[in-house]
Amino acid sequence: MNSKICCVIMCYGEHWRKIGKCAVDSFKKWHPDVELFVADENCIIEYEDSELCKLINSHQGLQNKLGPMKYAIAYHIAEKYNYDKIIILGADTITCSRLDEFIDNNEDDVLASLDFPAQHEIGKIKTAIWEWKEDENGIVNQFNDSAYINADVICFNNVDAIRDIIDIATEREYHWGEQGGLNELFAQQKYSFEVVDGPERLKNVFYNARSKGHVQGLNVSGKFHPNRLNSNCNMTKFYVKDNKLFSKDNKQIKVWHYMEGFGVSKQKMIDVLNYYIFDIFNEETKNFFEKECDCGNFFNERYED
């Protein structure tokens, strides 16, 4: 049975408007059949008196309210219009393919994607580490990977999970926001999760931070750090084959996610985006974003807020 699907992209304020257009237009390009909701100022006004939005605003200790608010709006949209499946994307994403791993899986409650490889203590839980062995020609090798998941590229087949994430995030008043709630819910094993791009070694797609390699970002605590790149940086070596974008290790990039903490500072957002445009992305990648993801001239000119 086909699911009734929608997607929600948070694009709140002028700070996010221009970069968010790439997120919106690229998703539309690859998913013309999926209803798209942009959670902008008008959308927040529409839902600000809803149950979950009021809950979020009532918790003064919750440092990051916009992330949980995005989840609350997604929950209420799903409830209002009876959606079976809801995709949530950040404004700093570019959809680079049809998201089959989200669209085609109607069985698991939550379809998640990986953050950078790291283990974190979030409240009373420590994020999981996958461990497994592989036997190749009689030689057994041990492998492991971080099961820390990211809240900005995700899909829900069960909206009750969204409500639980918000309940956890507000009760704990995590500075991690909805990402703290998401990872705690993952640890509880109350819902069935499928991590579509993890463990990284066992999957052939990227949906999130892992396409960057293990570079933690150029924008750290609001400071611009271009020297964090090195000669092994994956991002300079993306390539296109058969109208698909690939990482240097030949995995298809289905969602590009900047993961640079752009909310910290407008100027740092400008500096980092221009570094990506002129120093990181090769011409093949920028042409792909322009022609296959409907990003227009975004990567052909200097970014100004």
Protein backbone atom coordinates (compact mmCIF):
# COMPACT_ATOMS: atom_id res chain seq x y z
CA MET A 1 0.00 0.00 0.00
CA ASN A 2 1.34 3.44 -0.92
CA SER A 3 1.89 5.82 1.98
CA LYS A 4 0.63 9.38 2.08
CA ILE A 5 3.92 11.28 2.39
CA CYS A 6 4.97 14.83 3.19
CA CYS A 7 8.22 16.64 3.92
CA VAL A 8 8.87 19.52 6.34
CA ILE A 9 11.86 21.87 5.96
CA MET A 10 12.48 24.52 8.62
CA CYS A 11 13.44 27.83 7.00
CA TYR A 12 12.95 30.45 9.68
CA GLY A 13 14.18 34.02 9.27
CA GLU A 14 16.20 35.87 6.63
CA HIS A 15 19.34 34.19 7.94
CA TRP A 16 18.13 30.91 6.41
CA ARG A 17 16.06 32.10 3.46
CA LYS A 18 18.66 31.97 0.71
CA ILE A 19 20.38 28.71 1.65
CA GLY A 20 16.97 27.21 2.47
CA LYS A 21 15.84 27.79 -1.12
CA CYS A 22 18.36 25.15 -2.25
CA ALA A 23 16.95 22.73 0.33
CA VAL A 24 13.38 23.35 -0.82
CA ASP A 25 13.98 23.39 -4.57
CA SER A 26 16.25 20.34 -4.57
CA PHE A 27 13.73 18.26 -2.64
CA LYS A 28 10.97 19.33 -5.03
CA LYS A 29 13.14 18.41 -8.03
CA TRP A 30 13.55 14.81 -6.89
CA HIS A 31 10.13 14.39 -5.25
CA PRO A 32 7.44 16.18 -7.30
CA ASP A 33 4.89 13.72 -5.91
CA VAL A 34 5.56 14.55 -2.23
CA GLU A 35 3.77 17.43 -0.50
CA LEU A 36 6.30 19.91 0.90
CA PHE A 37 5.73 22.24 3.86
CA VAL A 38 8.17 25.07 4.61
CA ALA A 39 8.24 25.87 8.32
CA ASP A 40 8.80 29.63 8.05
CA GLU A 41 7.59 32.52 10.22
CA ASN A 42 4.00 32.19 8.97
CA CYS A 43 3.97 28.47 9.66
CA ILE A 44 5.26 28.97 13.20
CA ILE A 45 2.55 31.59 13.83
CA GLU A 46 -0.05 29.13 12.56
CA TYR A 47 1.05 26.41 14.97
CA GLU A 48 2.35 28.41 17.95
CA ASP A 49 -0.80 27.71 19.98
CA SER A 50 -0.66 23.96 19.28
CA GLU A 51 -0.07 21.59 22.19
CA LEU A 52 3.55 20.69 21.48
CA CYS A 53 4.68 24.19 20.48
CA LYS A 54 3.25 25.55 23.73
CA LEU A 55 5.03 22.78 25.63
CA ILE A 56 8.36 23.73 24.03
CA ASN A 57 7.93 27.45 24.71
CA SER A 58 7.05 26.75 28.35
CA HIS A 59 10.50 25.28 29.05
CA GLN A 60 12.79 28.25 29.62
CA GLY A 61 15.77 25.97 30.21
CA LEU A 62 15.55 24.54 26.71
CA GLN A 63 18.33 26.46 24.96
CA ASN A 64 17.53 25.45 21.40
CA LYS A 65 13.81 25.79 20.71
CA LEU A 66 13.73 26.00 16.90
CA GLY A 67 14.82 22.39 16.37
CA PRO A 68 12.15 20.89 18.65
CA MET A 69 9.67 23.39 17.15
CA LYS A 70 10.38 21.96 13.70
CA TYR A 71 9.54 18.50 15.02
CA ALA A 72 6.38 19.82 16.70
CA ILE A 73 5.18 21.45 13.49
CA ALA A 74 5.89 18.24 11.57
CA TYR A 75 3.89 16.27 14.14
CA HIS A 76 0.88 18.57 13.94
CA ILE A 77 0.97 18.66 10.12
CA ALA A 78 1.01 14.85 10.03
CA GLU A 79 -1.92 14.71 12.45
CA LYS A 80 -3.92 17.44 10.72
CA TYR A 81 -3.61 16.03 7.20
CA ASN A 82 -3.37 12.32 8.07
CA TYR A 83 0.10 11.68 6.63
CA ASP A 84 1.48 8.17 7.07
CA LYS A 85 5.12 9.14 6.48
CA ILE A 86 6.83 12.43 7.22
CA ILE A 87 10.35 13.43 6.14
CA ILE A 88 12.14 16.20 8.06
CA LEU A 89 15.10 18.05 6.53
CA GLY A 90 17.25 20.95 7.67
CA ALA A 91 17.55 24.17 5.67
CA ASP A 92 21.27 23.48 5.18
CA THR A 93 20.66 20.34 3.11
CA ILE A 94 20.60 19.65 -0.63
CA THR A 95 18.65 16.63 -1.82
CA CYS A 96 20.75 14.93 -4.49
CA SER A 97 18.57 11.95 -5.42
CA ARG A 98 15.21 10.40 -4.80
CA LEU A 99 15.28 9.24 -1.18
CA ASP A 100 14.31 5.63 -1.84
CA GLU A 101 15.55 4.40 1.53
CA PHE A 102 12.97 6.72 3.14
CA ILE A 103 10.19 6.41 0.58
CA ASP A 104 10.19 2.62 0.14
CA ASN A 105 10.49 1.54 3.78
CA ASN A 106 7.04 1.53 5.39
CA GLU A 107 7.92 -1.00 8.08
CA ASP A 108 10.31 0.68 10.51
CA ASP A 109 9.01 3.42 12.80
CA VAL A 110 12.01 5.72 12.32
CA LEU A 111 14.40 5.97 9.36
CA ALA A 112 17.50 7.81 10.56
CA SER A 113 20.92 8.91 9.27
CA LEU A 114 24.34 9.20 10.85
CA ASP A 115 26.07 12.18 12.40
CA PHE A 116 29.87 12.37 12.58
CA PRO A 117 31.44 9.27 14.16
CA ALA A 118 31.59 9.98 17.87
CA GLN A 119 30.22 8.61 21.11
CA HIS A 120 28.38 11.09 23.33
CA GLU A 121 26.93 11.07 26.81
CA ILE A 122 23.44 12.56 26.57
CA GLY A 123 21.76 12.76 29.95
CA LYS A 124 21.85 9.26 31.40
CA ILE A 125 22.64 7.46 28.14
CA LYS A 126 25.78 6.97 26.12
CA THR A 127 25.25 6.70 22.36
CA ALA A 128 25.78 3.22 21.00
CA ILE A 129 28.71 1.68 19.16
CA TRP A 130 28.01 -1.01 16.57
CA GLU A 131 30.49 -3.90 16.63
CA TRP A 132 30.73 -6.75 14.16
CA LYS A 133 33.16 -9.20 12.60
CA GLU A 134 33.83 -10.05 8.97
CA ASP A 135 35.50 -13.21 7.75
CA GLU A 136 37.40 -12.80 4.50
CA ASN A 137 39.42 -15.77 3.27
CA GLY A 138 39.72 -17.16 6.76
CA ILE A 139 40.89 -13.87 8.24
CA VAL A 140 38.45 -12.44 10.81
CA ASN A 141 38.50 -8.68 11.25
CA GLN A 142 36.71 -6.70 13.93
CA PHE A 143 34.89 -3.51 12.95
CA ASN A 144 32.99 -0.84 14.83
CA ASP A 145 31.09 2.36 14.06
CA SER A 146 29.37 5.08 16.03
CA ALA A 147 25.56 4.84 16.08
CA TYR A 148 25.15 8.55 16.86
CA ILE A 149 22.29 9.80 14.67
CA ASN A 150 21.48 13.27 13.37
CA ALA A 151 18.11 15.00 13.69
CA ASP A 152 18.20 17.05 10.47
CA VAL A 153 17.77 14.26 7.90
CA ILE A 154 15.14 11.83 9.13
CA CYS A 155 11.88 10.13 8.26
CA PHE A 156 9.05 8.88 10.48
CA ASN A 157 6.50 6.18 9.73
CA ASN A 158 5.16 6.54 13.27
CA VAL A 159 4.41 10.10 14.43
CA ASP A 160 4.17 8.95 18.05
CA ALA A 161 7.97 8.79 17.95
CA ILE A 162 8.08 12.54 17.17
CA ARG A 163 5.94 13.28 20.22
CA ASP A 164 8.19 11.15 22.41
CA ILE A 165 11.31 12.94 21.14
CA ILE A 166 9.79 16.31 22.07
CA ASP A 167 8.68 15.00 25.47
CA ILE A 168 12.22 13.76 26.20
CA ALA A 169 13.93 16.95 24.94
CA THR A 170 11.67 19.24 26.98
CA GLU A 171 11.72 17.12 30.13
CA ARG A 172 15.52 16.91 30.10
CA GLU A 173 15.91 20.47 28.73
CA TYR A 174 18.82 19.19 26.66
CA HIS A 175 21.11 21.73 25.06
CA TRP A 176 21.16 19.04 22.34
CA GLY A 177 17.51 19.89 21.62
CA GLU A 178 15.62 17.40 19.50
CA GLN A 179 18.85 15.55 18.67
CA GLY A 180 19.26 14.64 22.32
CA GLY A 181 15.68 13.41 22.44
CA LEU A 182 16.15 11.43 19.23
CA ASN A 183 19.29 9.63 20.41
CA GLU A 184 17.79 8.85 23.81
CA LEU A 185 14.71 7.40 22.08
CA PHE A 186 17.04 5.31 19.87
CA ALA A 187 18.72 3.96 23.00
CA GLN A 188 15.38 3.07 24.61
CA GLN A 189 14.55 0.64 21.76
CA LYS A 190 10.86 1.50 22.15
CA TYR A 191 10.52 1.98 18.37
CA SER A 192 12.05 0.17 15.43
CA PHE A 193 14.87 2.18 13.83
CA GLU A 194 16.61 1.72 10.50
CA VAL A 195 19.76 3.80 10.02
CA VAL A 196 19.78 4.11 6.25
CA ASP A 197 23.48 4.96 5.92
CA GLY A 198 24.91 3.01 8.83
CA PRO A 199 27.01 1.29 9.79
CA GLU A 200 28.94 3.25 7.18
CA ARG A 201 31.05 0.30 6.02
CA LEU A 202 27.96 -1.79 5.30
CA LYS A 203 25.93 0.77 3.32
CA ASN A 204 26.50 2.24 -0.15
CA VAL A 205 24.76 5.59 0.37
CA PHE A 206 25.28 8.76 2.39
CA TYR A 207 22.33 10.75 3.75
CA ASN A 208 24.15 13.06 6.12
CA ALA A 209 27.45 14.08 7.70
CA ARG A 210 29.44 11.00 6.73
CA SER A 211 29.85 12.11 3.09
CA LYS A 212 32.22 14.77 4.45
CA GLY A 213 34.62 12.11 5.66
CA HIS A 214 35.58 12.55 9.28
CA VAL A 215 36.12 16.31 9.07
CA GLN A 216 34.10 17.74 11.95
CA GLY A 217 33.33 21.04 10.24
CA LEU A 218 34.93 24.37 9.43
CA ASN A 219 32.73 26.42 11.72
CA VAL A 220 33.47 25.50 15.34
CA SER A 221 31.88 27.47 18.18
CA GLY A 222 31.32 30.35 15.79
CA LYS A 223 34.95 30.47 14.63
CA PHE A 224 36.04 29.77 11.06
CA HIS A 225 38.68 27.03 10.82
CA PRO A 226 39.62 26.30 7.17
CA ASN A 227 42.79 24.60 8.41
CA ARG A 228 40.63 21.70 9.62
CA LEU A 229 40.70 20.44 6.03
CA ASN A 230 43.52 18.23 4.84
CA SER A 231 44.64 16.51 1.65
CA ASN A 232 42.34 13.56 2.39
CA CYS A 233 39.21 15.72 2.56
CA ASN A 234 36.39 13.83 0.86
CA MET A 235 34.50 16.97 -0.16
CA THR A 236 37.01 18.13 -2.75
CA LYS A 237 36.85 14.75 -4.49
CA PHE A 238 33.12 14.27 -5.12
CA TYR A 239 32.32 13.14 -8.66
CA VAL A 240 29.26 12.63 -10.87
CA LYS A 241 28.38 9.46 -12.75
CA ASP A 242 25.07 8.70 -14.49
CA ASN A 243 23.55 11.88 -13.03
CA LYS A 244 24.38 10.75 -9.50
CA LEU A 245 26.74 12.40 -7.01
CA PHE A 246 29.36 10.16 -5.37
CA SER A 247 31.94 10.50 -2.62
CA LYS A 248 35.56 9.64 -3.29
CA ASP A 249 34.93 6.18 -1.80
CA ASN A 250 32.20 5.53 -4.38
CA LYS A 251 29.12 5.85 -2.21
CA GLN A 252 26.14 7.75 -3.61
CA ILE A 253 25.41 11.03 -1.81
CA LYS A 254 21.63 11.24 -1.56
CA VAL A 255 21.55 14.23 0.78
CA TRP A 256 24.31 16.78 1.19
CA HIS A 257 24.28 18.32 4.70
CA TYR A 258 26.67 21.19 5.52
CA MET A 259 26.67 20.45 9.28
CA GLU A 260 28.46 23.72 10.06
CA GLY A 261 26.43 25.23 12.91
CA PHE A 262 25.26 28.11 10.72
CA GLY A 263 22.88 29.35 13.40
CA VAL A 264 25.79 30.68 15.48
CA SER A 265 26.66 33.73 13.36
CA LYS A 266 25.58 35.29 10.07
CA GLN A 267 29.13 36.35 9.23
CA LYS A 268 30.55 32.90 9.87
CA MET A 269 27.79 31.46 7.69
CA ILE A 270 28.90 33.80 4.88
CA ASP A 271 32.59 32.94 5.36
CA VAL A 272 32.06 29.18 5.47
CA LEU A 273 29.62 29.05 2.54
CA ASN A 274 32.00 31.04 0.36
CA TYR A 275 34.83 28.71 1.30
CA TYR A 276 32.72 25.78 0.14
CA ILE A 277 31.80 27.57 -3.10
CA PHE A 278 35.30 28.71 -4.08
CA ASP A 279 37.72 26.37 -2.29
CA ILE A 280 36.04 23.04 -1.55
CA PHE A 281 33.48 21.99 -4.14
CA ASN A 282 34.92 21.14 -7.54
CA GLU A 283 33.22 22.30 -10.75
CA GLU A 284 31.65 18.89 -11.34
CA THR A 285 29.93 19.03 -7.96
CA LYS A 286 28.76 22.63 -8.39
CA ASN A 287 27.36 21.85 -11.85
CA PHE A 288 25.49 18.90 -10.37
CA PHE A 289 23.93 21.10 -7.67
CA GLU A 290 22.94 23.65 -10.30
CA LYS A 291 21.54 21.34 -12.97
CA GLU A 292 20.32 18.25 -11.09
CA CYS A 293 19.25 19.86 -7.81
CA ASP A 294 17.74 23.13 -9.12
CA CYS A 295 20.09 25.30 -7.04
CA GLY A 296 20.33 27.92 -9.81
CA ASN A 297 23.32 30.29 -9.57
CA PHE A 298 23.91 29.68 -5.87
CA PHE A 299 27.32 28.08 -6.51
CA ASN A 300 28.34 30.46 -9.30
CA GLU A 301 28.55 33.63 -7.25
CA ARG A 302 29.73 34.89 -3.91
CA TYR A 303 27.27 34.25 -1.10
CA GLU A 304 26.01 37.37 0.64
CA ASP A 305 23.34 37.25 3.33
